[in-house]
Amino acid sequence: MEQQRTDGARRATAADAEELVRLREVMLAEVAGTVGDGWQEASVEILRARLSAADPALVAFVADRPDRPGALAACVVGTVEYRLGGPGNPGGRTGYVFNVATDPGQRRRGHSRRCMTALLGWYRAQGVRTVDLRASQQGEPLYRSLGFVRTPDPAMRLRLPAAPDA
């Protein structure tokens, strides 16, 4: 797959999967205070498959570390969700941004902004008109500068137990 560059960021390929998971570990350690074990290998395999798909519903944009070939400075991952349309989004296509992470030694250099800008451009090209994300306090200024606003809809979550073996 040809690496598509957009303003200093490029679309990630399956070869970036391990680095994407490494940056996810960095982000999770800072946001949640812990990372845990056992999910990394499965995440690498999922990313390899999803980033190789011909018509992906999951994409990532990355900024390469200038000082370490093969290493990433920052990344952002996004999905396209298909919902019923509504007044603000008649087509129902909604983007969801997650896993915005920057290597600690590469911060304050515009890497995440370039990755976010590339992802938002990709969403526009896909016909996505609504994009959601959850912002940390550290990330909120970046997102606000890109036009994101707080919504009145509070998020809720339910964790379902694994289905019993049949």
N, C-alpha and C. Protein backbone atom coordinates (compact mmCIF):
# COMPACT_ATOMS: atom_id res chain seq x y z
N MET A 1 0.84 -1.18 0.00
CA MET A 1 0.00 0.00 0.00
C MET A 1 0.89 1.24 0.00
N GLU A 2 0.60 2.17 -0.85
CA GLU A 2 1.37 3.42 -0.92
C GLU A 2 1.06 4.26 0.31
N GLN A 3 2.09 4.84 0.90
CA GLN A 3 1.89 5.67 2.07
C GLN A 3 1.44 7.04 1.62
N GLN A 4 0.22 7.43 2.00
CA GLN A 4 -0.33 8.72 1.64
C GLN A 4 0.07 9.75 2.68
N ARG A 5 0.73 10.82 2.25
CA ARG A 5 1.16 11.88 3.14
C ARG A 5 0.22 13.05 3.06
N THR A 6 -0.09 13.62 4.22
CA THR A 6 -0.93 14.80 4.29
C THR A 6 -0.31 15.74 5.31
N ASP A 7 0.33 16.81 4.84
CA ASP A 7 0.83 17.86 5.73
C ASP A 7 1.70 17.31 6.87
N GLY A 8 2.67 16.45 6.56
CA GLY A 8 3.57 15.95 7.59
C GLY A 8 3.08 14.70 8.30
N ALA A 9 1.85 14.30 8.06
CA ALA A 9 1.33 13.05 8.61
C ALA A 9 1.11 12.12 7.43
N ARG A 10 1.11 10.84 7.71
CA ARG A 10 0.83 9.87 6.66
C ARG A 10 -0.17 8.85 7.18
N ARG A 11 -0.85 8.22 6.25
CA ARG A 11 -1.79 7.18 6.63
C ARG A 11 -1.00 5.95 7.06
N ALA A 12 -1.37 5.40 8.19
CA ALA A 12 -0.67 4.24 8.74
C ALA A 12 -0.92 3.00 7.90
N THR A 13 0.04 2.10 7.92
CA THR A 13 -0.08 0.81 7.26
C THR A 13 0.00 -0.29 8.33
N ALA A 14 -0.21 -1.51 7.89
CA ALA A 14 -0.12 -2.65 8.82
C ALA A 14 1.24 -2.72 9.48
N ALA A 15 2.29 -2.25 8.81
CA ALA A 15 3.64 -2.27 9.37
C ALA A 15 3.77 -1.35 10.60
N ASP A 16 2.83 -0.44 10.79
CA ASP A 16 2.87 0.49 11.93
C ASP A 16 2.15 -0.05 13.15
N ALA A 17 1.56 -1.24 13.06
CA ALA A 17 0.70 -1.74 14.14
C ALA A 17 1.39 -1.79 15.50
N GLU A 18 2.61 -2.29 15.57
CA GLU A 18 3.28 -2.39 16.87
C GLU A 18 3.55 -1.02 17.47
N GLU A 19 3.94 -0.06 16.64
CA GLU A 19 4.18 1.30 17.13
C GLU A 19 2.88 1.97 17.57
N LEU A 20 1.79 1.70 16.86
CA LEU A 20 0.49 2.25 17.26
C LEU A 20 0.09 1.73 18.63
N VAL A 21 0.34 0.45 18.88
CA VAL A 21 0.02 -0.13 20.18
C VAL A 21 0.96 0.44 21.25
N ARG A 22 2.23 0.65 20.92
CA ARG A 22 3.15 1.26 21.89
C ARG A 22 2.65 2.65 22.30
N LEU A 23 2.23 3.45 21.32
CA LEU A 23 1.72 4.77 21.65
C LEU A 23 0.41 4.69 22.43
N ARG A 24 -0.40 3.68 22.15
CA ARG A 24 -1.63 3.50 22.93
C ARG A 24 -1.29 3.21 24.39
N GLU A 25 -0.25 2.42 24.62
CA GLU A 25 0.19 2.15 25.99
C GLU A 25 0.59 3.43 26.69
N VAL A 26 1.31 4.31 25.98
CA VAL A 26 1.73 5.61 26.54
C VAL A 26 0.49 6.40 26.95
N MET A 27 -0.49 6.49 26.05
CA MET A 27 -1.70 7.26 26.30
C MET A 27 -2.50 6.67 27.46
N LEU A 28 -2.69 5.35 27.47
CA LEU A 28 -3.45 4.71 28.54
C LEU A 28 -2.78 4.87 29.90
N ALA A 29 -1.46 4.78 29.93
CA ALA A 29 -0.74 4.95 31.20
C ALA A 29 -0.96 6.34 31.77
N GLU A 30 -1.03 7.34 30.90
CA GLU A 30 -1.23 8.71 31.37
C GLU A 30 -2.67 8.99 31.74
N VAL A 31 -3.62 8.47 30.97
CA VAL A 31 -5.03 8.74 31.23
C VAL A 31 -5.57 7.88 32.36
N ALA A 32 -5.25 6.59 32.33
CA ALA A 32 -5.82 5.66 33.31
C ALA A 32 -4.85 5.33 34.44
N GLY A 33 -3.58 5.65 34.29
CA GLY A 33 -2.61 5.36 35.32
C GLY A 33 -2.06 3.94 35.27
N THR A 34 -2.61 3.11 34.43
CA THR A 34 -2.16 1.73 34.31
C THR A 34 -2.44 1.24 32.90
N VAL A 35 -1.74 0.22 32.49
CA VAL A 35 -1.90 -0.30 31.14
C VAL A 35 -2.48 -1.71 31.15
N GLY A 36 -1.99 -2.57 32.03
CA GLY A 36 -2.43 -3.96 32.04
C GLY A 36 -1.76 -4.75 30.94
N ASP A 37 -1.87 -6.06 31.04
CA ASP A 37 -1.24 -6.95 30.07
C ASP A 37 -2.30 -7.78 29.34
N GLY A 38 -1.89 -8.35 28.23
CA GLY A 38 -2.74 -9.30 27.54
C GLY A 38 -3.49 -8.75 26.35
N TRP A 39 -3.64 -7.46 26.22
CA TRP A 39 -4.40 -6.88 25.11
C TRP A 39 -3.51 -6.47 23.94
N GLN A 40 -2.22 -6.28 24.20
CA GLN A 40 -1.32 -5.72 23.19
C GLN A 40 -1.21 -6.59 21.94
N GLU A 41 -0.96 -7.87 22.12
CA GLU A 41 -0.78 -8.75 20.97
C GLU A 41 -2.05 -8.81 20.12
N ALA A 42 -3.21 -8.93 20.77
CA ALA A 42 -4.47 -8.95 20.03
C ALA A 42 -4.68 -7.64 19.29
N SER A 43 -4.32 -6.53 19.91
CA SER A 43 -4.48 -5.22 19.27
C SER A 43 -3.59 -5.08 18.04
N VAL A 44 -2.38 -5.59 18.12
CA VAL A 44 -1.48 -5.54 16.96
C VAL A 44 -2.10 -6.31 15.80
N GLU A 45 -2.63 -7.50 16.08
CA GLU A 45 -3.23 -8.32 15.01
C GLU A 45 -4.47 -7.66 14.43
N ILE A 46 -5.29 -7.07 15.28
CA ILE A 46 -6.49 -6.37 14.80
C ILE A 46 -6.08 -5.20 13.92
N LEU A 47 -5.11 -4.42 14.35
CA LEU A 47 -4.65 -3.28 13.55
C LEU A 47 -4.08 -3.72 12.22
N ARG A 48 -3.29 -4.78 12.22
CA ARG A 48 -2.72 -5.27 10.96
C ARG A 48 -3.83 -5.60 9.96
N ALA A 49 -4.86 -6.28 10.44
CA ALA A 49 -5.96 -6.67 9.56
C ALA A 49 -6.78 -5.46 9.12
N ARG A 50 -7.13 -4.61 10.06
CA ARG A 50 -8.01 -3.47 9.73
C ARG A 50 -7.30 -2.43 8.87
N LEU A 51 -6.02 -2.21 9.11
CA LEU A 51 -5.28 -1.21 8.31
C LEU A 51 -4.97 -1.73 6.91
N SER A 52 -5.09 -3.03 6.69
CA SER A 52 -4.86 -3.62 5.37
C SER A 52 -6.14 -3.75 4.55
N ALA A 53 -7.28 -3.47 5.14
CA ALA A 53 -8.56 -3.65 4.45
C ALA A 53 -8.64 -2.73 3.24
N ALA A 54 -9.25 -3.23 2.18
CA ALA A 54 -9.39 -2.46 0.94
C ALA A 54 -10.28 -1.24 1.14
N ASP A 55 -11.35 -1.37 1.90
CA ASP A 55 -12.27 -0.27 2.17
C ASP A 55 -12.42 -0.15 3.68
N PRO A 56 -11.44 0.46 4.33
CA PRO A 56 -11.41 0.42 5.80
C PRO A 56 -12.47 1.29 6.46
N ALA A 57 -12.97 0.79 7.57
CA ALA A 57 -13.82 1.59 8.44
C ALA A 57 -13.00 2.08 9.63
N LEU A 58 -11.74 1.65 9.71
CA LEU A 58 -10.81 2.11 10.73
C LEU A 58 -9.53 2.54 10.01
N VAL A 59 -9.08 3.75 10.31
CA VAL A 59 -7.83 4.26 9.74
C VAL A 59 -7.01 4.90 10.84
N ALA A 60 -5.75 5.06 10.57
CA ALA A 60 -4.86 5.76 11.49
C ALA A 60 -3.97 6.68 10.67
N PHE A 61 -3.65 7.82 11.24
CA PHE A 61 -2.67 8.72 10.65
C PHE A 61 -1.56 8.89 11.66
N VAL A 62 -0.33 8.92 11.17
CA VAL A 62 0.83 8.94 12.05
C VAL A 62 1.83 9.99 11.60
N ALA A 63 2.65 10.39 12.55
CA ALA A 63 3.82 11.23 12.27
C ALA A 63 5.03 10.42 12.66
N ASP A 64 5.97 10.30 11.74
CA ASP A 64 7.19 9.54 12.01
C ASP A 64 8.13 10.32 12.90
N ARG A 65 8.88 9.60 13.73
CA ARG A 65 9.93 10.24 14.54
C ARG A 65 11.08 10.57 13.61
N PRO A 66 11.50 11.81 13.57
CA PRO A 66 12.59 12.17 12.66
C PRO A 66 13.95 11.58 13.08
N ASP A 67 14.09 11.25 14.35
CA ASP A 67 15.38 10.78 14.86
C ASP A 67 15.49 9.26 14.97
N ARG A 68 14.38 8.52 14.72
CA ARG A 68 14.39 7.06 14.84
C ARG A 68 13.58 6.43 13.72
N PRO A 69 14.22 6.00 12.65
CA PRO A 69 13.48 5.36 11.56
C PRO A 69 12.65 4.18 12.07
N GLY A 70 11.41 4.12 11.62
CA GLY A 70 10.51 3.03 12.02
C GLY A 70 9.72 3.33 13.27
N ALA A 71 10.06 4.39 13.99
CA ALA A 71 9.34 4.75 15.21
C ALA A 71 8.38 5.90 14.91
N LEU A 72 7.30 5.95 15.66
CA LEU A 72 6.30 7.00 15.48
C LEU A 72 6.42 8.06 16.56
N ALA A 73 6.21 9.31 16.15
CA ALA A 73 6.17 10.42 17.10
C ALA A 73 4.76 10.59 17.66
N ALA A 74 3.74 10.37 16.81
CA ALA A 74 2.36 10.56 17.23
C ALA A 74 1.43 9.78 16.33
N CYS A 75 0.21 9.61 16.81
CA CYS A 75 -0.80 8.91 16.01
C CYS A 75 -2.19 9.35 16.41
N VAL A 76 -3.12 9.06 15.53
CA VAL A 76 -4.54 9.19 15.81
C VAL A 76 -5.25 8.08 15.04
N VAL A 77 -6.24 7.47 15.67
CA VAL A 77 -7.00 6.40 15.04
C VAL A 77 -8.46 6.86 14.99
N GLY A 78 -9.13 6.51 13.90
CA GLY A 78 -10.53 6.88 13.76
C GLY A 78 -11.32 5.78 13.09
N THR A 79 -12.59 5.74 13.40
CA THR A 79 -13.51 4.79 12.78
C THR A 79 -14.66 5.55 12.15
N VAL A 80 -15.35 4.88 11.25
CA VAL A 80 -16.60 5.40 10.70
C VAL A 80 -17.71 4.50 11.20
N GLU A 81 -18.71 5.12 11.81
CA GLU A 81 -19.87 4.39 12.30
C GLU A 81 -21.06 4.77 11.45
N TYR A 82 -21.96 3.82 11.26
CA TYR A 82 -23.15 4.05 10.46
C TYR A 82 -24.35 4.04 11.39
N ARG A 83 -25.01 5.20 11.49
CA ARG A 83 -26.16 5.36 12.36
C ARG A 83 -27.34 5.83 11.52
N LEU A 84 -28.51 5.83 12.10
CA LEU A 84 -29.64 6.43 11.42
C LEU A 84 -29.41 7.92 11.32
N GLY A 85 -29.81 8.51 10.23
CA GLY A 85 -29.66 9.94 10.05
C GLY A 85 -30.53 10.73 11.01
N GLY A 86 -30.24 11.98 11.12
CA GLY A 86 -31.01 12.89 11.96
C GLY A 86 -30.86 14.30 11.43
N PRO A 87 -31.45 15.28 12.11
CA PRO A 87 -31.42 16.66 11.60
C PRO A 87 -30.01 17.21 11.36
N GLY A 88 -29.08 16.93 12.21
CA GLY A 88 -27.73 17.45 12.04
C GLY A 88 -26.82 16.57 11.20
N ASN A 89 -27.28 15.37 10.88
CA ASN A 89 -26.46 14.42 10.13
C ASN A 89 -27.39 13.49 9.33
N PRO A 90 -27.97 14.00 8.24
CA PRO A 90 -28.96 13.21 7.50
C PRO A 90 -28.45 11.87 7.01
N GLY A 91 -27.17 11.77 6.64
CA GLY A 91 -26.62 10.51 6.14
C GLY A 91 -26.27 9.52 7.22
N GLY A 92 -26.14 9.98 8.45
CA GLY A 92 -25.87 9.10 9.57
C GLY A 92 -24.43 8.64 9.72
N ARG A 93 -23.55 8.98 8.77
CA ARG A 93 -22.14 8.57 8.88
C ARG A 93 -21.48 9.45 9.95
N THR A 94 -20.89 8.80 10.95
CA THR A 94 -20.28 9.51 12.06
C THR A 94 -18.87 9.00 12.27
N GLY A 95 -17.93 9.92 12.41
CA GLY A 95 -16.56 9.56 12.72
C GLY A 95 -16.36 9.52 14.21
N TYR A 96 -15.53 8.62 14.65
CA TYR A 96 -15.15 8.57 16.07
C TYR A 96 -13.64 8.53 16.14
N VAL A 97 -13.07 9.49 16.86
CA VAL A 97 -11.62 9.64 17.01
C VAL A 97 -11.20 9.05 18.35
N PHE A 98 -10.14 8.27 18.33
CA PHE A 98 -9.59 7.76 19.59
C PHE A 98 -8.11 7.51 19.41
N ASN A 99 -7.47 7.19 20.49
CA ASN A 99 -6.05 6.85 20.46
C ASN A 99 -5.19 7.97 19.90
N VAL A 100 -5.46 9.19 20.33
CA VAL A 100 -4.60 10.31 19.98
C VAL A 100 -3.46 10.27 20.99
N ALA A 101 -2.26 10.00 20.51
CA ALA A 101 -1.13 9.82 21.42
C ALA A 101 0.14 10.37 20.79
N THR A 102 0.96 10.96 21.64
CA THR A 102 2.26 11.48 21.21
C THR A 102 3.34 10.93 22.13
N ASP A 103 4.42 10.48 21.54
CA ASP A 103 5.56 10.01 22.32
C ASP A 103 6.01 11.16 23.24
N PRO A 104 6.26 10.89 24.52
CA PRO A 104 6.61 11.97 25.45
C PRO A 104 7.75 12.87 24.97
N GLY A 105 8.75 12.33 24.34
CA GLY A 105 9.88 13.14 23.87
C GLY A 105 9.61 13.93 22.61
N GLN A 106 8.41 13.78 22.05
CA GLN A 106 8.07 14.44 20.79
C GLN A 106 6.92 15.44 20.92
N ARG A 107 6.56 15.77 22.13
CA ARG A 107 5.41 16.64 22.36
C ARG A 107 5.72 18.11 22.06
N ARG A 108 4.63 18.86 21.85
CA ARG A 108 4.67 20.32 21.61
C ARG A 108 5.39 20.65 20.30
N ARG A 109 5.27 19.76 19.31
CA ARG A 109 5.90 19.97 18.01
C ARG A 109 4.88 19.94 16.87
N GLY A 110 3.59 19.83 17.20
CA GLY A 110 2.55 19.85 16.20
C GLY A 110 2.23 18.50 15.57
N HIS A 111 2.82 17.42 16.08
CA HIS A 111 2.59 16.11 15.49
C HIS A 111 1.12 15.68 15.58
N SER A 112 0.51 15.82 16.75
CA SER A 112 -0.88 15.40 16.92
C SER A 112 -1.81 16.26 16.07
N ARG A 113 -1.53 17.54 15.98
CA ARG A 113 -2.34 18.43 15.13
C ARG A 113 -2.28 17.97 13.68
N ARG A 114 -1.10 17.63 13.19
CA ARG A 114 -0.98 17.17 11.81
C ARG A 114 -1.74 15.86 11.59
N CYS A 115 -1.65 14.96 12.56
CA CYS A 115 -2.38 13.69 12.45
C CYS A 115 -3.89 13.93 12.48
N MET A 116 -4.35 14.77 13.39
CA MET A 116 -5.78 15.08 13.48
C MET A 116 -6.27 15.75 12.20
N THR A 117 -5.52 16.68 11.67
CA THR A 117 -5.90 17.38 10.45
C THR A 117 -6.02 16.40 9.28
N ALA A 118 -5.09 15.46 9.20
CA ALA A 118 -5.14 14.45 8.15
C ALA A 118 -6.37 13.56 8.31
N LEU A 119 -6.67 13.15 9.54
CA LEU A 119 -7.85 12.31 9.77
C LEU A 119 -9.12 13.07 9.42
N LEU A 120 -9.22 14.32 9.83
CA LEU A 120 -10.42 15.10 9.51
C LEU A 120 -10.58 15.27 8.01
N GLY A 121 -9.49 15.44 7.29
CA GLY A 121 -9.55 15.50 5.83
C GLY A 121 -10.04 14.19 5.24
N TRP A 122 -9.58 13.07 5.80
CA TRP A 122 -10.03 11.76 5.34
C TRP A 122 -11.53 11.60 5.58
N TYR A 123 -11.99 12.03 6.78
CA TYR A 123 -13.43 11.96 7.06
C TYR A 123 -14.23 12.76 6.03
N ARG A 124 -13.79 13.97 5.74
CA ARG A 124 -14.49 14.78 4.74
C ARG A 124 -14.59 14.05 3.40
N ALA A 125 -13.50 13.44 2.98
CA ALA A 125 -13.48 12.71 1.71
C ALA A 125 -14.41 11.50 1.74
N GLN A 126 -14.68 10.95 2.92
CA GLN A 126 -15.57 9.80 3.06
C GLN A 126 -17.03 10.21 3.23
N GLY A 127 -17.31 11.50 3.24
CA GLY A 127 -18.68 11.97 3.41
C GLY A 127 -19.14 12.04 4.85
N VAL A 128 -18.21 11.92 5.78
CA VAL A 128 -18.54 12.02 7.21
C VAL A 128 -18.68 13.50 7.55
N ARG A 129 -19.79 13.85 8.21
CA ARG A 129 -20.03 15.25 8.55
C ARG A 129 -20.09 15.50 10.05
N THR A 130 -20.13 14.43 10.85
CA THR A 130 -20.14 14.56 12.30
C THR A 130 -19.00 13.71 12.84
N VAL A 131 -18.19 14.29 13.73
CA VAL A 131 -17.05 13.57 14.31
C VAL A 131 -17.11 13.74 15.82
N ASP A 132 -17.04 12.63 16.53
CA ASP A 132 -17.07 12.62 17.99
C ASP A 132 -15.74 12.16 18.54
N LEU A 133 -15.44 12.57 19.76
CA LEU A 133 -14.29 12.07 20.50
C LEU A 133 -14.50 12.35 21.97
N ARG A 134 -13.68 11.74 22.78
CA ARG A 134 -13.64 12.04 24.22
C ARG A 134 -12.30 12.70 24.47
N ALA A 135 -12.34 13.84 25.11
CA ALA A 135 -11.13 14.63 25.29
C ALA A 135 -10.60 14.57 26.72
N SER A 136 -9.30 14.39 26.82
CA SER A 136 -8.64 14.56 28.12
C SER A 136 -8.43 16.06 28.32
N GLN A 137 -8.12 16.46 29.53
CA GLN A 137 -7.84 17.88 29.79
C GLN A 137 -6.67 18.36 28.94
N GLN A 138 -5.65 17.51 28.79
CA GLN A 138 -4.47 17.89 28.01
C GLN A 138 -4.82 18.06 26.53
N GLY A 139 -5.73 17.25 26.02
CA GLY A 139 -6.05 17.28 24.60
C GLY A 139 -7.11 18.30 24.21
N GLU A 140 -7.90 18.74 25.18
CA GLU A 140 -9.03 19.61 24.84
C GLU A 140 -8.63 20.89 24.10
N PRO A 141 -7.55 21.57 24.46
CA PRO A 141 -7.20 22.78 23.68
C PRO A 141 -6.96 22.49 22.19
N LEU A 142 -6.31 21.40 21.88
CA LEU A 142 -6.10 21.02 20.47
C LEU A 142 -7.44 20.82 19.78
N TYR A 143 -8.32 20.05 20.39
CA TYR A 143 -9.60 19.75 19.76
C TYR A 143 -10.45 21.00 19.59
N ARG A 144 -10.46 21.86 20.59
CA ARG A 144 -11.20 23.12 20.46
C ARG A 144 -10.65 23.96 19.31
N SER A 145 -9.33 23.99 19.16
CA SER A 145 -8.74 24.78 18.08
C SER A 145 -9.09 24.23 16.70
N LEU A 146 -9.46 22.95 16.64
CA LEU A 146 -9.87 22.33 15.39
C LEU A 146 -11.38 22.44 15.15
N GLY A 147 -12.10 23.03 16.13
CA GLY A 147 -13.54 23.25 15.97
C GLY A 147 -14.44 22.35 16.78
N PHE A 148 -13.89 21.43 17.56
CA PHE A 148 -14.72 20.56 18.40
C PHE A 148 -15.32 21.37 19.53
N VAL A 149 -16.54 21.02 19.92
CA VAL A 149 -17.23 21.67 21.03
C VAL A 149 -17.81 20.59 21.94
N ARG A 150 -18.00 20.93 23.20
CA ARG A 150 -18.66 20.01 24.13
C ARG A 150 -20.10 19.83 23.71
N THR A 151 -20.63 18.63 23.91
CA THR A 151 -22.02 18.36 23.58
C THR A 151 -22.81 18.12 24.87
N PRO A 152 -24.13 18.27 24.81
CA PRO A 152 -24.92 18.05 26.02
C PRO A 152 -25.16 16.57 26.32
N ASP A 153 -24.78 15.70 25.39
CA ASP A 153 -25.05 14.27 25.56
C ASP A 153 -23.98 13.62 26.43
N PRO A 154 -24.33 13.23 27.64
CA PRO A 154 -23.33 12.54 28.47
C PRO A 154 -23.14 11.11 27.98
N ALA A 155 -21.92 10.67 28.02
CA ALA A 155 -21.61 9.30 27.61
C ALA A 155 -21.89 8.36 28.77
N MET A 156 -22.36 7.19 28.43
CA MET A 156 -22.56 6.12 29.41
C MET A 156 -21.97 4.86 28.82
N ARG A 157 -21.65 3.88 29.67
CA ARG A 157 -21.05 2.64 29.19
C ARG A 157 -21.59 1.47 29.99
N LEU A 158 -21.77 0.36 29.31
CA LEU A 158 -22.14 -0.91 29.92
C LEU A 158 -21.12 -1.92 29.47
N ARG A 159 -20.54 -2.65 30.40
CA ARG A 159 -19.61 -3.74 30.05
C ARG A 159 -20.39 -5.05 30.17
N LEU A 160 -20.53 -5.73 29.04
CA LEU A 160 -21.23 -7.00 29.02
C LEU A 160 -20.27 -8.13 29.35
N PRO A 161 -20.70 -9.10 30.13
CA PRO A 161 -19.84 -10.25 30.39
C PRO A 161 -19.72 -11.08 29.12
N ALA A 162 -18.67 -11.85 29.04
CA ALA A 162 -18.49 -12.73 27.88
C ALA A 162 -19.65 -13.70 27.80
N ALA A 163 -20.02 -14.04 26.60
CA ALA A 163 -21.10 -15.01 26.41
C ALA A 163 -20.66 -16.38 26.93
N PRO A 164 -21.54 -17.08 27.60
CA PRO A 164 -21.17 -18.42 28.10
C PRO A 164 -20.96 -19.36 26.91
N ASP A 165 -20.05 -20.29 27.10
CA ASP A 165 -19.81 -21.28 26.05
C ASP A 165 -21.05 -22.13 25.85
N ALA A 166 -21.35 -22.38 24.60
CA ALA A 166 -22.57 -23.16 24.29
C ALA A 166 -22.35 -24.63 24.46
